Amino acid sequence: MTGPVDVDLLVVGGGPAGLATALHAVRAGLSVRVLERRAGVVDKACGEGLMPGAVAALDALGVDPPGHSIRGIAYCAPGRRAEARFRAGAGRGVRRLALHGALREAALRAGVDVEEVLVDDVTQGDVVTAGGLRARYLVAADGLHSPLRRSLGLDAAVRGPARFGLRRHYAVAPWSDDVEVHWARDAEAYVTPVDDDIVGVAVLSSGRGGLDDRLDAFPDLLERLRGAEHASRVRGAGPLRQTATRRTAGRVLLVGDAAGYVDALTGEGVALALGQAEAAVRAVVADDPSAYEREWRRVTRRYRWLTGALVTSTRPAVVRRAVVPAAAALPPVFRAAVDALARPVGEPARSVL
């Protein structure tokens, strides 16, 4: 018999994953409260390109953040370019502040209480307690380096070189409606149009140093950005790869980056968070947290396989040099890979044949 509770579901973390969980919970008829340590709308290092599946998932929640339409993905290297358009509809470049603001506004409009509370530990038995509140279940959506994942003993050792990301916006009109991925010897630069006069530039690599130093590896991109004013300060994230031994511990479910993360290379972070949020709420409604572990594996399977394989296979310099020429030489294969990224999470990709 479950003791008295304040709410059905506590959500720790008020970013996109936590707010999406709260919105799904309200739609399912659950009482929910969000506990977030930071006040208001929060910025974060992010590539900011929403795949068509993520745009559709946000639309289903009644969330329509402003941004710039994206038609596909382009792989770029000096003198070479390979393009593939989305077949599942348009994506959207959305500044992280705009995405968080739109989700927060939707949650508040739906009657969700968002409180500024620091939570780094929970206690549980027949109920779960955090931040002085008791709930039937708790969703930990507290980010890449989740304190709750660590406190519950769910952190797992990570193998391989650590990768980090840095992002800055530039006041320049987008020169393409694609998300451009520029490949260099040991880094990738992602250029995302987020407004009619702003692009976001994110660099991922295992090296150290500031963003300007890392951009030296991309002379074609630097030429595009020459003279453009900075439209935001540099934000960083990493190490990107994080692993959890499992996604549930008693009445606690891990959602979003807190549940584990491979890499930002394929740009599916927001779509994955939205899919996991919906799956977690279904498990809570069914009073069956073990169902979430199975659903998490299904929802993230394509991302884990594709991203893990791409990160591992492109470590050797000789392979990295061949990525863009191969994409340009094999358009059907490149289009199939982009189509897989564009589709809703958990949905199987189409065959390339």
Protein backbone atom coordinates (compact mmCIF):
# COMPACT_ATOMS: atom_id res chain seq x y z
CA MET A 1 0.00 0.00 0.00
CA THR A 2 1.46 3.35 -1.04
CA GLY A 3 1.55 6.09 1.63
CA PRO A 4 0.16 9.60 1.14
CA VAL A 5 1.84 11.65 -1.56
CA ASP A 6 1.96 15.31 -2.60
CA VAL A 7 1.95 14.53 -6.33
CA ASP A 8 1.89 11.52 -8.61
CA LEU A 9 5.15 12.48 -10.31
CA LEU A 10 8.11 14.61 -9.33
CA VAL A 11 10.40 15.72 -12.15
CA VAL A 12 13.92 16.80 -11.17
CA GLY A 13 15.33 18.98 -13.94
CA GLY A 14 13.50 21.73 -15.79
CA GLY A 15 15.23 21.46 -19.17
CA PRO A 16 13.57 20.14 -22.35
CA ALA A 17 13.51 16.52 -21.12
CA GLY A 18 11.96 17.40 -17.76
CA LEU A 19 9.43 19.85 -19.16
CA ALA A 20 8.37 17.41 -21.89
CA THR A 21 7.89 14.75 -19.20
CA ALA A 22 5.70 17.15 -17.22
CA LEU A 23 3.58 17.96 -20.28
CA HIS A 24 3.05 14.27 -21.06
CA ALA A 25 2.19 13.66 -17.38
CA VAL A 26 -0.48 16.37 -17.37
CA ARG A 27 -1.99 14.96 -20.56
CA ALA A 28 -2.11 11.55 -18.89
CA GLY A 29 -4.05 12.98 -15.94
CA LEU A 30 -1.18 12.86 -13.44
CA SER A 31 -0.39 15.54 -10.89
CA VAL A 32 3.19 16.68 -11.46
CA ARG A 33 5.72 19.15 -10.13
CA VAL A 34 9.08 20.16 -11.62
CA LEU A 35 12.07 20.93 -9.40
CA GLU A 36 14.86 22.88 -11.11
CA ARG A 37 17.91 24.38 -9.43
CA ARG A 38 18.16 27.31 -11.86
CA ALA A 39 15.58 30.07 -12.22
CA GLY A 40 13.89 31.00 -15.48
CA VAL A 41 14.95 30.07 -19.00
CA VAL A 42 18.39 28.46 -19.18
CA ASP A 43 20.87 28.40 -22.07
CA LYS A 44 23.09 25.39 -22.76
CA ALA A 45 25.68 24.31 -25.30
CA CYS A 46 23.65 22.61 -28.01
CA GLY A 47 23.84 22.09 -31.77
CA GLU A 48 20.26 23.48 -31.98
CA GLY A 49 19.20 21.56 -35.08
CA LEU A 50 15.85 19.83 -34.53
CA MET A 51 15.28 16.85 -36.80
CA PRO A 52 11.80 16.53 -38.41
CA GLY A 53 10.86 13.86 -35.86
CA ALA A 54 11.61 16.27 -33.01
CA VAL A 55 9.57 19.05 -34.66
CA ALA A 56 6.62 16.65 -34.98
CA ALA A 57 6.96 15.51 -31.34
CA LEU A 58 6.97 19.12 -30.12
CA ASP A 59 3.96 19.91 -32.27
CA ALA A 60 2.09 17.00 -30.67
CA LEU A 61 2.72 18.69 -27.29
CA GLY A 62 1.43 22.03 -28.61
CA VAL A 63 4.94 23.54 -28.62
CA ASP A 64 6.02 25.59 -31.65
CA PRO A 65 9.36 27.31 -30.95
CA PRO A 66 10.54 30.04 -33.36
CA GLY A 67 13.48 29.26 -35.61
CA HIS A 68 14.73 28.73 -39.14
CA SER A 69 13.52 25.93 -41.41
CA ILE A 70 16.10 23.23 -42.20
CA ARG A 71 15.78 21.16 -45.37
CA GLY A 72 18.50 18.57 -44.76
CA ILE A 73 22.11 17.83 -43.82
CA ALA A 74 25.29 18.60 -45.74
CA TYR A 75 28.72 17.07 -45.13
CA CYS A 76 31.51 19.49 -46.03
CA ALA A 77 35.28 19.39 -46.51
CA PRO A 78 37.59 21.69 -48.49
CA GLY A 79 36.42 21.51 -52.10
CA ARG A 80 33.77 18.82 -51.42
CA ARG A 81 30.12 18.87 -50.35
CA ALA A 82 27.45 16.15 -50.10
CA GLU A 83 23.80 17.08 -49.45
CA ALA A 84 20.73 15.04 -48.53
CA ARG A 85 17.26 16.45 -47.96
CA PHE A 86 14.89 15.21 -45.29
CA ARG A 87 12.10 13.04 -46.67
CA ALA A 88 10.09 13.22 -43.43
CA GLY A 89 9.42 16.98 -43.64
CA ALA A 90 11.39 20.04 -42.60
CA GLY A 91 13.55 20.28 -39.55
CA ARG A 92 14.13 23.51 -37.66
CA GLY A 93 17.09 25.40 -36.27
CA VAL A 94 16.03 26.68 -32.85
CA ARG A 95 18.13 28.54 -30.31
CA ARG A 96 18.29 26.62 -27.05
CA LEU A 97 16.88 29.62 -25.18
CA ALA A 98 13.88 29.70 -27.53
CA LEU A 99 13.28 25.95 -27.18
CA HIS A 100 13.47 26.05 -23.38
CA GLY A 101 11.29 29.15 -23.27
CA ALA A 102 8.58 27.58 -25.45
CA LEU A 103 8.52 24.36 -23.41
CA ARG A 104 8.48 26.24 -20.11
CA GLU A 105 5.63 28.48 -21.26
CA ALA A 106 3.64 25.43 -22.40
CA ALA A 107 4.20 23.69 -19.06
CA LEU A 108 3.15 26.74 -17.04
CA ARG A 109 0.11 27.18 -19.28
CA ALA A 110 -0.81 23.55 -18.58
CA GLY A 111 -0.74 24.24 -14.84
CA VAL A 112 2.64 22.67 -14.02
CA ASP A 113 4.37 24.13 -10.97
CA VAL A 114 8.09 24.74 -11.64
CA GLU A 115 9.99 25.40 -8.41
CA GLU A 116 13.56 26.56 -7.93
CA VAL A 117 14.91 23.75 -5.76
CA LEU A 118 18.27 21.95 -5.71
CA VAL A 119 17.87 18.17 -5.55
CA ASP A 120 20.93 15.92 -5.48
CA ASP A 121 19.58 12.94 -3.54
CA VAL A 122 16.35 11.00 -3.04
CA THR A 123 14.97 8.52 -0.54
CA GLN A 124 12.42 5.90 -1.47
CA GLY A 125 10.36 3.02 -0.16
CA ASP A 126 6.67 2.76 -0.97
CA VAL A 127 6.97 6.40 -2.12
CA VAL A 128 9.88 8.54 -3.28
CA THR A 129 10.89 11.75 -1.48
CA ALA A 130 12.94 14.66 -2.87
CA GLY A 131 13.01 18.38 -2.18
CA GLY A 132 10.71 17.87 0.81
CA LEU A 133 7.96 16.37 -1.39
CA ARG A 134 6.56 12.85 -1.61
CA ALA A 135 5.52 11.29 -4.90
CA ARG A 136 4.56 7.94 -6.37
CA TYR A 137 7.38 8.22 -8.89
CA LEU A 138 10.27 10.52 -9.73
CA VAL A 139 11.82 11.27 -13.13
CA ALA A 140 15.47 12.34 -13.00
CA ALA A 141 16.00 14.64 -15.99
CA ASP A 142 18.92 16.50 -14.43
CA GLY A 143 21.30 16.44 -17.35
CA LEU A 144 24.44 14.91 -18.76
CA HIS A 145 26.29 14.74 -15.43
CA SER A 146 23.18 13.83 -13.44
CA PRO A 147 23.72 14.08 -9.65
CA LEU A 148 20.76 11.75 -9.13
CA ARG A 149 22.19 9.10 -11.46
CA ARG A 150 25.38 9.23 -9.43
CA SER A 151 23.64 9.21 -6.03
CA LEU A 152 21.61 6.15 -7.04
CA GLY A 153 24.77 4.26 -8.01
CA LEU A 154 23.76 4.07 -11.68
CA ASP A 155 26.90 5.66 -13.16
CA ALA A 156 28.95 3.31 -15.33
CA ALA A 157 32.55 3.52 -16.48
CA VAL A 158 33.07 5.18 -19.86
CA ARG A 159 35.65 3.86 -22.33
CA GLY A 160 37.31 5.68 -25.20
CA PRO A 161 38.53 9.26 -25.66
CA ALA A 162 36.42 11.98 -24.09
CA ARG A 163 34.70 14.36 -26.52
CA PHE A 164 33.68 17.96 -25.74
CA GLY A 165 31.49 20.53 -27.44
CA LEU A 166 31.71 24.32 -27.72
CA ARG A 167 29.08 26.62 -29.27
CA ARG A 168 28.76 30.28 -30.24
CA HIS A 169 26.28 32.23 -32.39
CA TYR A 170 27.33 34.60 -35.18
CA ALA A 171 25.36 37.54 -36.56
CA VAL A 172 25.40 36.53 -40.21
CA ALA A 173 22.65 35.52 -42.62
CA PRO A 174 22.53 31.74 -43.18
CA TRP A 175 24.14 30.77 -46.49
CA SER A 176 22.41 27.38 -46.55
CA ASP A 177 19.12 25.80 -45.41
CA ASP A 178 21.03 22.67 -44.38
CA VAL A 179 22.74 21.82 -41.14
CA GLU A 180 26.34 21.76 -42.35
CA VAL A 181 28.77 19.30 -40.80
CA HIS A 182 32.36 20.33 -41.59
CA TRP A 183 34.90 17.54 -41.12
CA ALA A 184 38.50 18.08 -40.05
CA ARG A 185 41.29 15.77 -38.88
CA ASP A 186 40.09 15.46 -35.28
CA ALA A 187 36.95 17.60 -35.03
CA GLU A 188 33.60 18.40 -36.60
CA ALA A 189 31.96 21.83 -36.85
CA TYR A 190 28.17 22.07 -37.06
CA VAL A 191 26.59 25.15 -38.61
CA THR A 192 22.87 25.57 -37.92
CA PRO A 193 20.70 28.46 -39.20
CA VAL A 194 18.57 29.56 -36.23
CA ASP A 195 17.20 32.86 -37.55
CA ASP A 196 17.25 34.98 -40.69
CA ASP A 197 20.41 36.72 -39.48
CA ILE A 198 22.03 34.26 -37.04
CA VAL A 199 23.83 30.93 -37.33
CA GLY A 200 24.98 28.72 -34.49
CA VAL A 201 28.41 27.10 -34.75
CA ALA A 202 29.27 24.13 -32.55
CA VAL A 203 32.58 22.26 -32.61
CA LEU A 204 32.95 18.72 -31.26
CA SER A 205 36.35 17.17 -30.64
CA SER A 206 38.47 15.26 -28.17
CA GLY A 207 41.03 18.05 -28.10
CA ARG A 208 41.37 20.89 -25.65
CA GLY A 209 41.45 24.63 -26.27
CA GLY A 210 39.05 27.46 -26.99
CA LEU A 211 36.54 27.69 -29.81
CA ASP A 212 38.64 30.09 -31.89
CA ASP A 213 41.60 27.70 -31.76
CA ARG A 214 39.42 24.79 -32.83
CA LEU A 215 37.88 26.74 -35.71
CA ASP A 216 41.36 27.12 -37.24
CA ALA A 217 40.88 23.56 -38.53
CA PHE A 218 38.01 24.76 -40.78
CA PRO A 219 39.39 27.41 -43.17
CA ASP A 220 36.32 27.41 -45.46
CA LEU A 221 34.02 27.98 -42.52
CA LEU A 222 36.26 30.69 -41.09
CA GLU A 223 36.04 32.52 -44.41
CA ARG A 224 32.23 32.44 -44.18
CA LEU A 225 32.36 33.85 -40.65
CA ARG A 226 34.95 36.53 -41.38
CA GLY A 227 33.82 39.88 -39.99
CA ALA A 228 30.64 38.50 -38.39
CA GLU A 229 29.90 39.76 -34.88
CA HIS A 230 29.49 37.31 -32.04
CA ALA A 231 25.81 36.97 -31.13
CA SER A 232 26.38 34.95 -27.94
CA ARG A 233 29.18 33.93 -25.64
CA VAL A 234 30.85 30.55 -25.90
CA ARG A 235 29.21 27.71 -24.01
CA GLY A 236 30.69 24.27 -23.52
CA ALA A 237 29.62 20.74 -22.61
CA GLY A 238 31.34 17.45 -21.94
CA PRO A 239 32.64 14.88 -21.62
CA LEU A 240 29.75 13.93 -23.89
CA ARG A 241 29.69 10.16 -23.50
CA GLN A 242 27.89 9.11 -20.32
CA THR A 243 26.64 5.65 -19.43
CA ALA A 244 24.12 4.35 -16.91
CA THR A 245 24.02 0.75 -15.72
CA ARG A 246 20.22 0.92 -16.06
CA ARG A 247 17.50 3.54 -16.44
CA THR A 248 15.40 2.71 -13.37
CA ALA A 249 16.08 2.36 -9.66
CA GLY A 250 12.99 1.57 -7.65
CA ARG A 251 10.56 4.42 -8.27
CA VAL A 252 13.09 6.62 -10.07
CA LEU A 253 13.32 6.75 -13.88
CA LEU A 254 16.16 8.45 -15.79
CA VAL A 255 15.12 10.54 -18.81
CA GLY A 256 17.09 12.52 -21.39
CA ASP A 257 20.86 12.94 -21.09
CA ALA A 258 20.68 11.64 -17.50
CA ALA A 259 19.77 8.21 -18.89
CA GLY A 260 23.01 8.02 -20.87
CA TYR A 261 24.45 9.72 -23.93
CA VAL A 262 26.67 8.56 -26.76
CA ASP A 263 27.63 11.69 -28.71
CA ALA A 264 26.14 14.78 -30.38
CA LEU A 265 27.46 13.71 -33.81
CA THR A 266 24.03 12.77 -35.21
CA GLY A 267 22.06 15.63 -33.61
CA GLU A 268 19.26 13.53 -32.08
CA GLY A 269 19.46 14.71 -28.45
CA VAL A 270 16.17 16.62 -28.27
CA ALA A 271 14.23 14.00 -30.25
CA LEU A 272 15.51 11.29 -27.89
CA ALA A 273 14.54 13.30 -24.81
CA LEU A 274 11.01 13.78 -26.14
CA GLY A 275 10.62 10.08 -26.93
CA GLN A 276 11.95 9.02 -23.54
CA ALA A 277 9.67 11.48 -21.74
CA GLU A 278 6.59 9.95 -23.34
CA ALA A 279 7.78 6.39 -22.61
CA ALA A 280 8.51 7.22 -18.95
CA VAL A 281 5.03 8.64 -18.40
CA ARG A 282 3.45 5.54 -19.96
CA ALA A 283 5.38 3.39 -17.47
CA VAL A 284 4.27 5.57 -14.55
CA VAL A 285 0.63 5.40 -15.63
CA ALA A 286 0.92 1.61 -15.91
CA ASP A 287 2.61 1.48 -12.47
CA ASP A 288 5.34 -0.60 -14.14
CA PRO A 289 8.78 1.08 -14.11
CA SER A 290 10.39 -2.03 -15.59
CA ALA A 291 8.45 -1.31 -18.79
CA TYR A 292 10.42 1.91 -19.16
CA GLU A 293 13.75 0.09 -19.34
CA ARG A 294 12.43 -1.94 -22.29
CA GLU A 295 10.95 1.14 -23.95
CA TRP A 296 14.15 3.13 -23.44
CA ARG A 297 16.13 0.48 -25.29
CA ARG A 298 13.63 0.50 -28.15
CA VAL A 299 13.43 4.31 -28.37
CA THR A 300 17.21 4.77 -28.32
CA ARG A 301 18.31 1.69 -30.29
CA ARG A 302 18.82 3.43 -33.64
CA TYR A 303 20.64 6.35 -32.03
CA ARG A 304 22.94 4.14 -29.95
CA TRP A 305 23.89 1.91 -32.88
CA LEU A 306 24.25 4.57 -35.54
CA THR A 307 25.99 7.18 -33.39
CA GLY A 308 28.27 4.68 -31.67
CA ALA A 309 29.31 3.16 -34.99
CA LEU A 310 29.93 6.56 -36.59
CA VAL A 311 31.99 7.89 -33.68
CA THR A 312 34.10 4.73 -33.49
CA SER A 313 34.61 4.28 -37.22
CA THR A 314 35.66 7.90 -37.81
CA ARG A 315 38.43 8.04 -35.21
CA PRO A 316 41.23 7.14 -37.66
CA ALA A 317 42.38 10.17 -39.68
CA VAL A 318 42.30 8.20 -42.92
CA VAL A 319 38.61 7.42 -42.41
CA ARG A 320 37.77 11.01 -41.52
CA ARG A 321 39.35 12.20 -44.76
CA ALA A 322 37.13 9.78 -46.67
CA VAL A 323 33.78 10.65 -45.03
CA VAL A 324 32.74 13.54 -47.28
CA PRO A 325 34.06 12.00 -50.55
CA ALA A 326 32.23 8.77 -49.70
CA ALA A 327 28.98 10.62 -48.97
CA ALA A 328 29.30 12.49 -52.27
CA ALA A 329 30.11 9.29 -54.19
CA LEU A 330 27.26 7.26 -52.66
CA PRO A 331 24.19 9.55 -52.60
CA PRO A 332 21.64 6.76 -51.91
CA VAL A 333 23.54 5.61 -48.83
CA PHE A 334 23.96 9.16 -47.54
CA ARG A 335 20.27 9.92 -48.15
CA ALA A 336 19.26 6.75 -46.31
CA ALA A 337 21.41 7.69 -43.29
CA VAL A 338 19.94 11.20 -43.18
CA ASP A 339 16.43 9.78 -43.57
CA ALA A 340 17.07 7.51 -40.58
CA LEU A 341 18.08 10.51 -38.46
CA ALA A 342 15.01 12.47 -39.55
CA ARG A 343 12.41 9.86 -38.62
CA PRO A 344 10.66 9.76 -35.22
CA VAL A 345 12.68 7.99 -32.52
CA GLY A 346 11.80 4.34 -32.12
CA GLU A 347 10.61 4.10 -35.72
CA PRO A 348 12.65 1.76 -37.92
CA ALA A 349 14.65 3.31 -40.77
CA ARG A 350 13.83 2.52 -44.37
CA SER A 351 16.05 0.14 -46.26
CA VAL A 352 18.71 1.67 -48.49
CA LEU A 353 17.90 -0.94 -51.13
